[in-house]
Amino acid sequence: MPSAASSPPSEFRPLDGTGPVWPTAFRALVQHRRTLMLQGPIGWFFDRLAQLLQAQGQTVTKVHFNGGDQSFWRQPGALRFDGRLESLDGWLRTLVRQRQIDAIVLFGQMRPVHCIARQIARELRIEVFVFEEGYLRPDHVTVERRGVNALSRLPRAASFYTQVQPESERPPLPPPQPTGQRLSRTAALAMRYYLAALLHHGQYPHRVHHRSLDPVREGWRWLTGALRKPRDAWRERGLMPRLCSAPLSRHWFLVPLQVHDDSQIRHHSRFSGMEEFIEEVMASFATTAPPDLHLAIKHHPMDRAYADHRPLIARLTRQLGLQGRVHCLHDQHLPTLLAHARGVVTVNSTVGLQALHHGAPVLPLGEAVYGIPGLVHAGPLAGFWSEPGQVDRALYRSFRRHLLEHTQLNASFYAGMPALGALPAAPPALPTPAAPLPRPLQLDELRG
């Protein structure tokens, strides 16, 4: 990859020839000619991506599955799938063949609509590009061919990364430009999505989606989460200085929780949910960890509206005799925590990569893209408490560079998109139920 001081070819960068370098997976997407875009993240990312692909000479077909999808799309000619999920396979096969689609783009590989699309793509040998939250956050999103996370095609052998030229001998990569991502903006985009899904219920009677699209229920949840935030801050006052103080620094393990409906938990781990994970980790800690060590369990910031694991943690603390050794966290500064943690136990959260970056040993209990023997702890959980080991810094740097060069796009789904260009300053107003909508294309029209 070129150094920051050099000028990579324009096709490796956004259209104006400046800005972050595109990873190889994204460059491969740009080289296709007829792209089908399915469900994307909430927000304008897929709309902006379509503009870029069209400027590169591509023909882009977009399919909406509910009013939320439609509300973040400004290009003409989008199709509406208003049937049931069971009829999607035939509808999508006809569309792909008639439009000679050579690439499919999606976000959330395990969503039901995308599982169907990926199966069709395998059978018809169409390339799939999967977008997901960034492996290296907060200023990147991930794009890979075929799949991400546990389905990633990234090499899982340490020898692959140790055979490359040492990082110290390679030209540095340009740093990412800040995206300005904020949780409050993400919440606002989510509410717009849910409201639009409700307003356009008549055009999408089945509202195909992988979770509830009830704006009242979702709004109440987010309000509940907002009310919990000051309560949690009060409960945790003084906890961060204590964990970072000389007596406790490097004498506690961080356990980052994931969102309650994370597909990484359901499909790429042996756990049924976060509750089972918490129970196993705390039971192991109580029976095998040295008595002078502590445990800090950090809730996921996006899950406050949906789950509160404090009662479960408090009950297990009493039952296992761990009083004074278990701490609940919510909004504490993660890099600071990682700098003082003795190690990190996770299912397969990307916090594991951040931990490695800060030199904290990691034990993933599920399938993780960074689950490379030699990079993470390979032994059982019981041994990790006493001997977490050391992070192989050279291996981590080589792995991280490979991620950046091949899978990480400098952008946010919910804020700035440096690698695609500026975020629209004034998005169009939310459509009303009476607004004219494009008529859905029927199968006989696709055949004709």
Protein backbone atom coordinates (compact mmCIF):
# COMPACT_ATOMS: atom_id res chain seq x y z
CA MET A 1 0.00 0.00 0.00
CA PRO A 2 1.20 3.51 -0.69
CA SER A 3 2.57 5.74 2.01
CA ALA A 4 0.78 8.82 3.26
CA ALA A 5 3.23 11.00 1.37
CA SER A 6 2.65 9.33 -2.00
CA SER A 7 -0.33 9.71 -4.31
CA PRO A 8 -2.13 6.40 -4.89
CA PRO A 9 -3.87 5.94 -8.25
CA SER A 10 -7.19 7.79 -8.37
CA GLU A 11 -9.16 4.53 -8.62
CA PHE A 12 -7.92 3.64 -5.13
CA ARG A 13 -9.51 6.78 -3.70
CA PRO A 14 -12.85 8.67 -3.87
CA LEU A 15 -13.77 10.29 -7.16
CA ASP A 16 -11.94 13.55 -6.51
CA GLY A 17 -8.64 11.68 -6.10
CA THR A 18 -8.22 12.70 -2.46
CA GLY A 19 -9.19 11.27 0.86
CA PRO A 20 -8.69 7.81 2.40
CA VAL A 21 -7.40 4.91 0.37
CA TRP A 22 -10.05 2.31 -0.50
CA PRO A 23 -9.46 -1.26 0.78
CA THR A 24 -9.13 -4.01 -1.82
CA ALA A 25 -12.62 -5.41 -1.16
CA PHE A 26 -14.16 -2.02 -1.91
CA ARG A 27 -12.06 -1.58 -5.04
CA ALA A 28 -13.36 -4.94 -6.23
CA LEU A 29 -16.96 -3.77 -5.69
CA VAL A 30 -16.35 -0.60 -7.70
CA GLN A 31 -15.17 -2.66 -10.66
CA HIS A 32 -18.53 -4.41 -11.13
CA ARG A 33 -21.14 -3.23 -13.59
CA ARG A 34 -24.64 -4.26 -12.42
CA THR A 35 -25.08 -4.14 -8.66
CA LEU A 36 -28.08 -5.12 -6.58
CA MET A 37 -28.37 -3.39 -3.21
CA LEU A 38 -30.57 -4.99 -0.55
CA GLN A 39 -31.12 -3.80 3.03
CA GLY A 40 -28.52 -1.40 4.34
CA PRO A 41 -27.86 0.19 7.72
CA ILE A 42 -30.17 2.90 8.98
CA GLY A 43 -29.08 6.23 7.54
CA TRP A 44 -27.78 7.51 4.23
CA PHE A 45 -24.77 5.23 3.72
CA PHE A 46 -26.29 2.99 1.01
CA ASP A 47 -27.77 5.99 -0.79
CA ARG A 48 -24.34 7.68 -0.90
CA LEU A 49 -22.69 4.42 -1.91
CA ALA A 50 -25.12 4.07 -4.81
CA GLN A 51 -24.25 7.57 -6.01
CA LEU A 52 -20.58 6.69 -6.00
CA LEU A 53 -21.12 3.39 -7.85
CA GLN A 54 -23.27 5.11 -10.46
CA ALA A 55 -20.60 7.77 -10.95
CA GLN A 56 -18.19 4.92 -11.66
CA GLY A 57 -20.47 3.74 -14.49
CA GLN A 58 -22.44 1.07 -12.63
CA THR A 59 -26.13 0.31 -12.97
CA VAL A 60 -27.54 0.05 -9.45
CA THR A 61 -30.79 -1.69 -8.54
CA LYS A 62 -32.15 -1.13 -5.02
CA VAL A 63 -34.86 -3.21 -3.33
CA HIS A 64 -36.84 -1.82 -0.39
CA PHE A 65 -38.46 -4.19 2.10
CA ASN A 66 -40.26 -1.63 4.28
CA GLY A 67 -40.85 2.09 4.56
CA GLY A 68 -37.72 2.53 6.65
CA ASP A 69 -35.57 1.38 3.75
CA GLN A 70 -37.38 3.78 1.45
CA SER A 71 -37.01 6.81 3.73
CA PHE A 72 -33.21 6.82 3.35
CA TRP A 73 -33.13 6.53 -0.45
CA ARG A 74 -33.18 9.39 -2.98
CA GLN A 75 -32.41 7.62 -6.25
CA PRO A 76 -35.19 6.94 -8.79
CA GLY A 77 -36.38 3.51 -9.88
CA ALA A 78 -36.08 1.53 -6.65
CA LEU A 79 -38.16 -1.64 -6.38
CA ARG A 80 -40.50 -2.55 -3.54
CA PHE A 81 -40.76 -6.12 -2.32
CA ASP A 82 -44.17 -6.18 -0.66
CA GLY A 83 -44.66 -9.93 -0.39
CA ARG A 84 -43.99 -12.42 2.35
CA LEU A 85 -40.50 -13.70 3.09
CA GLU A 86 -41.44 -17.13 1.74
CA SER A 87 -41.91 -15.69 -1.77
CA LEU A 88 -38.63 -13.76 -1.83
CA ASP A 89 -36.49 -16.58 -3.27
CA GLY A 90 -38.35 -16.80 -6.59
CA TRP A 91 -38.85 -13.03 -6.85
CA LEU A 92 -35.17 -12.36 -6.25
CA ARG A 93 -33.95 -15.07 -8.64
CA THR A 94 -36.04 -13.58 -11.44
CA LEU A 95 -34.77 -10.09 -10.72
CA VAL A 96 -31.12 -11.19 -10.64
CA ARG A 97 -31.36 -13.07 -13.93
CA GLN A 98 -33.36 -10.47 -15.83
CA ARG A 99 -31.12 -7.60 -14.80
CA GLN A 100 -27.93 -9.65 -15.19
CA ILE A 101 -26.76 -8.71 -11.70
CA ASP A 102 -23.04 -9.38 -11.14
CA ALA A 103 -22.72 -8.12 -7.54
CA ILE A 104 -25.00 -8.06 -4.50
CA VAL A 105 -24.43 -5.58 -1.67
CA LEU A 106 -25.96 -5.98 1.78
CA PHE A 107 -25.60 -5.08 5.45
CA GLY A 108 -26.16 -7.75 8.11
CA GLN A 109 -25.30 -11.09 6.54
CA MET A 110 -27.53 -13.16 8.83
CA ARG A 111 -30.76 -11.24 8.26
CA PRO A 112 -33.39 -13.62 6.79
CA VAL A 113 -33.61 -11.72 3.48
CA HIS A 114 -29.84 -11.76 3.15
CA CYS A 115 -29.48 -15.46 3.94
CA ILE A 116 -31.78 -16.10 0.97
CA ALA A 117 -29.82 -13.68 -1.22
CA ARG A 118 -26.46 -15.21 -0.29
CA GLN A 119 -27.73 -18.69 -1.14
CA ILE A 120 -28.94 -17.48 -4.55
CA ALA A 121 -25.59 -15.78 -5.13
CA ARG A 122 -23.71 -19.00 -4.34
CA GLU A 123 -25.82 -20.99 -6.77
CA LEU A 124 -25.57 -18.41 -9.56
CA ARG A 125 -21.93 -17.55 -8.81
CA ILE A 126 -22.60 -13.89 -8.15
CA GLU A 127 -20.19 -12.02 -5.94
CA VAL A 128 -21.55 -10.78 -2.61
CA PHE A 129 -20.15 -7.78 -0.74
CA VAL A 130 -21.09 -7.61 2.92
CA PHE A 131 -20.91 -4.39 4.93
CA GLU A 132 -20.78 -4.47 8.72
CA GLU A 133 -19.69 -2.35 11.66
CA GLY A 134 -15.96 -1.67 11.54
CA TYR A 135 -13.47 -4.14 12.92
CA LEU A 136 -11.40 -1.08 13.80
CA ARG A 137 -13.73 1.52 15.28
CA PRO A 138 -14.90 4.24 15.44
CA ASP A 139 -13.79 5.62 12.07
CA HIS A 140 -14.14 2.55 9.86
CA VAL A 141 -16.82 0.27 8.50
CA THR A 142 -16.07 -3.24 7.27
CA VAL A 143 -16.56 -4.48 3.72
CA GLU A 144 -15.64 -8.00 2.67
CA ARG A 145 -16.39 -10.42 -0.10
CA ARG A 146 -18.73 -13.30 0.79
CA GLY A 147 -18.97 -12.62 4.52
CA VAL A 148 -17.65 -10.91 7.63
CA ASN A 149 -16.72 -11.89 11.17
CA ALA A 150 -16.96 -15.69 11.49
CA LEU A 151 -17.69 -15.98 7.74
CA SER A 152 -14.72 -13.83 6.79
CA ARG A 153 -12.17 -15.21 4.35
CA LEU A 154 -9.30 -13.58 6.20
CA PRO A 155 -6.47 -16.05 6.91
CA ARG A 156 -6.66 -17.55 10.42
CA ALA A 157 -3.07 -18.79 10.62
CA ALA A 158 -0.46 -16.71 12.42
CA SER A 159 2.16 -17.89 9.92
CA PHE A 160 0.40 -15.94 7.14
CA TYR A 161 0.93 -12.67 8.99
CA THR A 162 4.42 -13.40 10.31
CA GLN A 163 5.76 -14.08 6.81
CA VAL A 164 5.02 -10.59 5.51
CA GLN A 165 7.49 -7.73 5.66
CA PRO A 166 7.73 -6.33 9.22
CA GLU A 167 5.44 -3.39 9.85
CA SER A 168 8.40 -1.22 10.88
CA GLU A 169 9.90 -1.66 7.41
CA ARG A 170 6.74 -0.76 5.48
CA PRO A 171 5.53 2.75 4.60
CA PRO A 172 2.86 3.99 7.03
CA LEU A 173 -0.78 4.04 6.03
CA PRO A 174 -2.60 7.40 6.13
CA PRO A 175 -4.56 7.82 9.36
CA PRO A 176 -8.37 7.73 9.08
CA GLN A 177 -10.28 10.97 8.98
CA PRO A 178 -12.72 11.41 11.92
CA THR A 179 -16.34 10.53 11.15
CA GLY A 180 -17.93 12.33 14.10
CA GLN A 181 -20.17 9.39 15.00
CA ARG A 182 -22.44 10.00 17.99
CA LEU A 183 -24.91 7.71 19.74
CA SER A 184 -27.56 10.45 19.79
CA ARG A 185 -27.45 10.74 15.99
CA THR A 186 -27.73 6.98 15.60
CA ALA A 187 -30.79 6.96 17.86
CA ALA A 188 -32.41 9.75 15.81
CA LEU A 189 -31.82 7.85 12.57
CA ALA A 190 -33.32 4.72 14.12
CA MET A 191 -36.48 6.55 15.16
CA ARG A 192 -36.84 8.00 11.65
CA TYR A 193 -36.54 4.49 10.23
CA TYR A 194 -39.21 3.05 12.57
CA LEU A 195 -41.58 5.96 11.96
CA ALA A 196 -41.23 5.64 8.19
CA ALA A 197 -41.93 1.91 8.42
CA LEU A 198 -45.19 2.72 10.21
CA LEU A 199 -46.22 5.51 7.83
CA HIS A 200 -45.74 3.31 4.76
CA HIS A 201 -47.31 0.19 6.21
CA GLY A 202 -49.89 0.19 3.39
CA GLN A 203 -47.21 -0.15 0.71
CA TYR A 204 -45.33 -2.84 2.67
CA PRO A 205 -48.03 -4.86 4.47
CA HIS A 206 -45.54 -7.48 5.67
CA ARG A 207 -42.75 -5.03 6.58
CA VAL A 208 -40.01 -7.59 6.13
CA HIS A 209 -37.29 -6.95 8.69
CA HIS A 210 -35.22 -8.87 11.22
CA ARG A 211 -36.63 -7.08 14.29
CA SER A 212 -39.70 -5.20 15.48
CA LEU A 213 -40.55 -2.04 13.52
CA ASP A 214 -43.04 -0.67 16.04
CA PRO A 215 -42.00 2.99 16.58
CA VAL A 216 -44.00 3.29 19.81
CA ARG A 217 -42.37 0.24 21.35
CA GLU A 218 -38.92 1.21 20.08
CA GLY A 219 -39.40 4.83 21.17
CA TRP A 220 -40.37 3.71 24.67
CA ARG A 221 -37.30 1.49 24.85
CA TRP A 222 -34.98 4.31 23.84
CA LEU A 223 -36.67 6.64 26.32
CA THR A 224 -36.17 4.02 29.01
CA GLY A 225 -32.52 3.77 28.02
CA ALA A 226 -32.12 7.54 28.20
CA LEU A 227 -33.63 7.58 31.70
CA ARG A 228 -31.28 4.81 32.82
CA LYS A 229 -28.20 6.71 31.71
CA PRO A 230 -28.00 9.23 34.60
CA ARG A 231 -28.93 6.48 37.06
CA ASP A 232 -26.05 4.33 35.83
CA ALA A 233 -23.67 7.29 35.92
CA TRP A 234 -24.59 7.91 39.56
CA ARG A 235 -24.07 4.27 40.50
CA GLU A 236 -20.67 4.19 38.81
CA ARG A 237 -19.32 7.43 40.20
CA GLY A 238 -15.73 7.01 41.33
CA LEU A 239 -15.43 3.53 39.84
CA MET A 240 -13.11 4.45 36.96
CA PRO A 241 -10.48 6.14 39.19
CA ARG A 242 -10.60 3.13 41.49
CA LEU A 243 -10.03 0.61 38.67
CA CYS A 244 -7.16 2.71 37.32
CA SER A 245 -5.53 3.28 40.71
CA ALA A 246 -2.30 1.56 41.72
CA PRO A 247 -3.93 -1.09 43.97
CA LEU A 248 -6.30 -2.36 41.23
CA SER A 249 -4.64 -1.50 37.90
CA ARG A 250 -3.87 -4.74 36.04
CA HIS A 251 -5.62 -6.71 38.79
CA TRP A 252 -9.00 -7.04 37.08
CA PHE A 253 -10.47 -8.52 33.90
CA LEU A 254 -12.84 -6.73 31.56
CA VAL A 255 -15.90 -8.59 30.23
CA PRO A 256 -17.55 -6.55 27.43
CA LEU A 257 -21.13 -7.58 26.72
CA GLN A 258 -22.72 -7.55 23.27
CA VAL A 259 -26.20 -6.48 22.20
CA HIS A 260 -29.03 -8.83 23.09
CA ASP A 261 -29.88 -9.76 19.49
CA ASP A 262 -26.34 -9.84 18.08
CA SER A 263 -26.19 -12.37 15.24
CA GLN A 264 -22.61 -13.04 16.31
CA ILE A 265 -24.01 -14.61 19.47
CA ARG A 266 -26.86 -16.54 17.85
CA HIS A 267 -24.95 -17.93 14.88
CA HIS A 268 -21.27 -17.92 15.81
CA SER A 269 -21.12 -18.98 19.43
CA ARG A 270 -22.40 -21.73 21.71
CA PHE A 271 -24.29 -19.25 23.89
CA SER A 272 -28.03 -18.65 23.69
CA GLY A 273 -27.54 -15.06 24.86
CA MET A 274 -25.65 -12.73 27.14
CA GLU A 275 -27.23 -14.22 30.27
CA GLU A 276 -25.67 -17.63 29.64
CA PHE A 277 -22.31 -16.01 28.87
CA ILE A 278 -22.39 -13.98 32.10
CA GLU A 279 -23.26 -17.06 34.14
CA GLU A 280 -20.40 -19.12 32.71
CA VAL A 281 -17.78 -16.38 33.09
CA MET A 282 -18.74 -15.51 36.66
CA ALA A 283 -18.90 -19.16 37.74
CA SER A 284 -15.44 -19.81 36.30
CA PHE A 285 -14.06 -16.66 37.90
CA ALA A 286 -15.47 -17.63 41.30
CA THR A 287 -13.98 -21.13 41.27
CA THR A 288 -10.63 -20.68 39.49
CA ALA A 289 -9.49 -17.03 39.61
CA PRO A 290 -6.98 -15.94 42.27
CA PRO A 291 -8.84 -14.27 45.16
CA ASP A 292 -7.10 -10.90 44.75
CA LEU A 293 -8.45 -10.35 41.22
CA HIS A 294 -11.60 -8.44 40.22
CA LEU A 295 -14.10 -8.60 37.35
CA ALA A 296 -15.52 -5.58 35.48
CA ILE A 297 -18.57 -6.34 33.33
CA LYS A 298 -19.33 -3.62 30.78
CA HIS A 299 -22.77 -3.30 29.21
CA HIS A 300 -22.98 -2.52 25.49
CA PRO A 301 -23.91 1.17 24.96
CA MET A 302 -26.51 0.27 22.28
CA ASP A 303 -28.22 -2.26 24.54
CA ARG A 304 -29.20 -0.03 27.47
CA ALA A 305 -32.68 0.39 25.96
CA TYR A 306 -33.20 -3.36 25.64
CA ALA A 307 -31.45 -5.15 28.48
CA ASP A 308 -30.29 -4.50 32.04
CA HIS A 309 -28.06 -7.28 33.31
CA ARG A 310 -27.39 -5.70 36.70
CA PRO A 311 -29.98 -7.82 38.59
CA LEU A 312 -28.51 -11.05 37.19
CA ILE A 313 -24.96 -9.95 37.98
CA ALA A 314 -25.96 -8.91 41.52
CA ARG A 315 -27.68 -12.25 42.15
CA LEU A 316 -24.71 -14.26 40.87
CA THR A 317 -22.33 -12.11 42.90
CA ARG A 318 -24.17 -13.07 46.09
CA GLN A 319 -24.56 -16.74 45.18
CA LEU A 320 -20.91 -17.16 44.18
CA GLY A 321 -19.47 -15.20 47.11
CA LEU A 322 -17.92 -12.49 44.90
CA GLN A 323 -19.01 -9.45 46.91
CA GLY A 324 -16.64 -6.54 46.37
CA ARG A 325 -14.92 -8.21 43.40
CA VAL A 326 -17.48 -7.67 40.59
CA HIS A 327 -18.19 -4.24 39.10
CA CYS A 328 -20.84 -3.18 36.55
CA LEU A 329 -19.93 -0.56 33.94
CA HIS A 330 -21.77 1.30 31.22
CA ASP A 331 -20.29 4.52 29.81
CA GLN A 332 -16.74 4.46 31.11
CA HIS A 333 -14.00 5.35 28.61
CA LEU A 334 -13.09 2.07 26.92
CA PRO A 335 -9.46 2.85 25.90
CA THR A 336 -8.69 3.86 29.48
CA LEU A 337 -10.25 0.66 30.79
CA LEU A 338 -8.24 -1.46 28.36
CA ALA A 339 -5.02 0.26 29.36
CA HIS A 340 -5.54 -0.93 32.95
CA ALA A 341 -7.18 -4.34 32.39
CA ARG A 342 -5.26 -7.55 33.05
CA GLY A 343 -7.13 -9.22 30.21
CA VAL A 344 -10.42 -9.36 28.31
CA VAL A 345 -12.96 -12.19 28.08
CA THR A 346 -15.52 -11.83 25.31
CA VAL A 347 -17.69 -13.92 23.04
CA ASN A 348 -16.53 -12.36 19.77
CA SER A 349 -16.91 -8.59 20.23
CA THR A 350 -14.67 -6.22 18.27
CA VAL A 351 -13.63 -4.89 21.68
CA GLY A 352 -11.23 -7.83 21.52
CA LEU A 353 -9.33 -6.07 18.73
CA GLN A 354 -9.22 -2.84 20.73
CA ALA A 355 -7.89 -4.80 23.70
CA LEU A 356 -5.08 -6.28 21.62
CA HIS A 357 -4.24 -2.77 20.41
CA HIS A 358 -3.78 -1.70 24.05
CA GLY A 359 -1.74 -4.78 24.93
CA ALA A 360 -4.46 -6.58 26.92
CA PRO A 361 -4.57 -10.37 26.34
CA VAL A 362 -7.89 -11.63 24.95
CA LEU A 363 -9.83 -14.88 25.26
CA PRO A 364 -12.77 -15.10 22.80
CA LEU A 365 -15.31 -17.81 23.70
CA GLY A 366 -16.98 -17.69 20.28
CA GLU A 367 -15.86 -17.53 16.66
CA ALA A 368 -14.04 -14.25 16.09
CA VAL A 369 -12.29 -12.82 13.05
CA TYR A 370 -9.25 -12.19 15.27
CA GLY A 371 -9.37 -15.66 16.85
CA ILE A 372 -5.90 -16.57 15.62
CA PRO A 373 -3.83 -18.90 17.82
CA GLY A 374 -0.85 -16.90 18.96
CA LEU A 375 -2.77 -13.64 18.75
CA VAL A 376 -5.40 -14.57 21.36
CA HIS A 377 -5.25 -16.93 24.34
CA ALA A 378 -5.75 -20.51 23.14
CA GLY A 379 -6.24 -22.21 26.51
CA PRO A 380 -9.37 -22.72 28.63
CA LEU A 381 -11.09 -19.99 30.60
CA ALA A 382 -9.96 -21.48 33.91
CA GLY A 383 -6.30 -20.98 33.01
CA PHE A 384 -6.78 -17.51 31.59
CA TRP A 385 -7.47 -15.96 35.00
CA SER A 386 -4.05 -16.99 36.33
CA GLU A 387 -1.94 -16.92 33.16
CA PRO A 388 -3.45 -14.64 30.51
CA GLY A 389 -0.10 -14.36 28.68
CA GLN A 390 1.20 -11.48 26.60
CA VAL A 391 0.05 -9.95 23.33
CA ASP A 392 2.35 -10.64 20.38
CA ARG A 393 2.69 -7.01 19.28
CA ALA A 394 4.38 -7.77 15.96
CA LEU A 395 1.67 -10.28 15.00
CA TYR A 396 -1.06 -7.84 16.00
CA ARG A 397 0.44 -5.00 13.96
CA SER A 398 0.71 -7.22 10.90
CA PHE A 399 -2.88 -8.44 11.33
CA ARG A 400 -4.18 -4.92 11.85
CA ARG A 401 -2.47 -3.65 8.73
CA HIS A 402 -3.97 -6.51 6.73
CA LEU A 403 -7.41 -5.53 8.02
CA LEU A 404 -6.89 -1.91 7.01
CA GLU A 405 -5.57 -2.70 3.56
CA HIS A 406 -8.26 -5.21 2.64
CA THR A 407 -11.45 -4.67 4.68
CA GLN A 408 -11.67 -1.28 6.43
CA LEU A 409 -13.34 1.70 4.75
CA ASN A 410 -12.92 5.09 6.42
CA ALA A 411 -16.60 5.93 7.00
CA SER A 412 -19.48 5.73 9.43
CA PHE A 413 -22.91 4.34 8.64
CA TYR A 414 -24.47 7.03 10.81
CA ALA A 415 -22.27 10.12 10.39
CA GLY A 416 -19.42 11.27 8.12
CA MET A 417 -18.20 9.18 5.19
CA PRO A 418 -14.72 10.45 4.30
CA ALA A 419 -14.04 7.61 1.86
CA LEU A 420 -17.31 8.30 -0.02
CA GLY A 421 -17.49 12.05 0.24
CA ALA A 422 -19.34 14.45 2.53
CA LEU A 423 -22.57 13.52 4.27
CA PRO A 424 -25.56 15.41 2.79
CA ALA A 425 -26.01 18.59 4.79
CA ALA A 426 -29.82 18.65 4.63
CA PRO A 427 -31.52 15.28 4.07
CA PRO A 428 -34.97 15.51 2.47
CA ALA A 429 -38.01 15.60 4.71
CA LEU A 430 -39.64 12.37 5.86
CA PRO A 431 -42.27 11.28 3.28
CA THR A 432 -45.90 11.47 4.37
CA PRO A 433 -48.40 8.64 3.90
CA ALA A 434 -50.10 10.59 1.11
CA ALA A 435 -46.92 11.11 -0.88
CA PRO A 436 -46.96 9.30 -4.26
CA LEU A 437 -44.88 6.14 -4.24
CA PRO A 438 -43.36 4.26 -7.17
CA ARG A 439 -45.45 1.26 -8.19
CA PRO A 440 -43.77 -2.05 -7.29
CA LEU A 441 -42.42 -3.96 -10.25
CA GLN A 442 -44.19 -7.30 -10.75
CA LEU A 443 -42.63 -10.58 -11.81
CA ASP A 444 -44.24 -10.53 -15.26
CA GLU A 445 -42.71 -7.11 -15.89
CA LEU A 446 -39.29 -8.40 -14.85
CA ARG A 447 -39.65 -11.26 -17.33
CA GLY A 448 -40.66 -8.92 -20.10
